Amino acid sequence: MSSVLTVRVPDEMKYQMDSLAEVTGRTRSWIAAEAIRQYVETESWQIGEIRKALAEADAGEFVSEEEMEQVFNKWSPEGGANAG
């Protein structure tokens, strides 16, 4: 099942969508729906990961100060991985 959704896009984006539709053999509606699907999927994943991380932090499941210092030292310009 699908629903109709009306959106306004800049003319240039419409032309790009038309071009993609022609090259891929898809409709402009398919291109728009796929773009929205990917955006919603990515944003939902990111929000879920942030919520999990906040819950872990609230529960005290976070790196120790010593572990964090080791990471900073490893990747700082003066030491570790970036040292020349």
Protein backbone atom coordinates (compact mmCIF):
# COMPACT_ATOMS: atom_id res chain seq x y z
CA MET A 1 0.00 0.00 0.00
CA SER A 2 1.23 3.50 -0.71
CA SER A 3 0.08 7.04 -0.07
CA VAL A 4 0.37 10.20 -2.11
CA LEU A 5 2.76 12.80 -0.71
CA THR A 6 3.24 16.19 -2.34
CA VAL A 7 6.56 17.97 -1.85
CA ARG A 8 8.17 21.04 -3.34
CA VAL A 9 11.75 20.76 -4.58
CA PRO A 10 14.00 23.28 -6.32
CA ASP A 11 13.80 23.19 -10.12
CA GLU A 12 17.39 21.96 -10.39
CA MET A 13 16.61 18.98 -8.16
CA LYS A 14 13.58 18.14 -10.30
CA TYR A 15 15.76 18.21 -13.42
CA GLN A 16 18.32 15.96 -11.72
CA MET A 17 15.58 13.55 -10.68
CA ASP A 18 14.21 13.52 -14.24
CA SER A 19 17.69 12.77 -15.56
CA LEU A 20 18.20 9.94 -13.05
CA ALA A 21 14.79 8.54 -13.87
CA GLU A 22 15.57 8.51 -17.58
CA VAL A 23 19.00 6.93 -17.16
CA THR A 24 17.83 4.27 -14.70
CA GLY A 25 14.51 3.51 -16.34
CA ARG A 26 12.68 4.42 -13.14
CA THR A 27 9.96 6.98 -12.55
CA ARG A 28 10.54 10.29 -10.82
CA SER A 29 8.20 9.04 -8.08
CA TRP A 30 10.37 5.96 -7.56
CA ILE A 31 13.51 8.13 -7.34
CA ALA A 32 11.86 10.41 -4.77
CA ALA A 33 10.45 7.52 -2.73
CA GLU A 34 13.82 5.75 -2.70
CA ALA A 35 15.61 8.92 -1.58
CA ILE A 36 13.09 9.41 1.22
CA ARG A 37 13.32 5.73 2.22
CA GLN A 38 17.11 5.91 2.47
CA TYR A 39 16.96 9.16 4.45
CA VAL A 40 14.38 7.81 6.91
CA GLU A 41 16.30 4.55 7.31
CA THR A 42 19.59 6.34 8.00
CA GLU A 43 18.10 8.89 10.39
CA SER A 44 16.20 6.17 12.27
CA TRP A 45 19.39 4.12 12.63
CA GLN A 46 21.38 7.14 13.86
CA ILE A 47 18.72 8.08 16.41
CA GLY A 48 18.59 4.48 17.62
CA GLU A 49 22.37 4.37 18.04
CA ILE A 50 22.37 7.67 19.92
CA ARG A 51 19.63 6.42 22.24
CA LYS A 52 21.59 3.22 22.91
CA ALA A 53 24.76 5.19 23.62
CA LEU A 54 22.93 7.53 25.99
CA ALA A 55 21.42 4.56 27.83
CA GLU A 56 24.88 2.99 28.14
CA ALA A 57 26.32 6.26 29.43
CA ASP A 58 23.46 6.65 31.92
CA ALA A 59 24.13 3.10 33.13
CA GLY A 60 27.82 3.91 33.60
CA GLU A 61 28.85 1.68 30.70
CA PHE A 62 31.36 4.14 29.37
CA VAL A 63 35.11 4.15 28.86
CA SER A 64 37.28 5.03 31.81
CA GLU A 65 39.28 8.24 31.87
CA GLU A 66 42.44 6.16 31.44
CA GLU A 67 41.07 4.36 28.36
CA MET A 68 40.01 7.66 26.81
CA GLU A 69 43.44 9.17 27.48
CA GLN A 70 45.07 6.20 25.73
CA VAL A 71 42.91 6.79 22.65
CA PHE A 72 43.70 10.52 22.61
CA ASN A 73 47.41 9.83 23.02
CA LYS A 74 47.35 7.23 20.25
CA TRP A 75 45.68 9.56 17.73
CA SER A 76 47.10 12.94 18.80
CA PRO A 77 49.52 14.71 16.43
CA GLU A 78 52.33 14.35 19.00
CA GLY A 79 52.07 10.62 19.49
CA GLY A 80 50.89 7.27 18.32
CA ALA A 81 49.44 6.70 14.87
CA ASN A 82 50.10 10.17 13.47
CA ALA A 83 53.71 10.52 14.58
CA GLY A 84 56.08 10.93 11.70
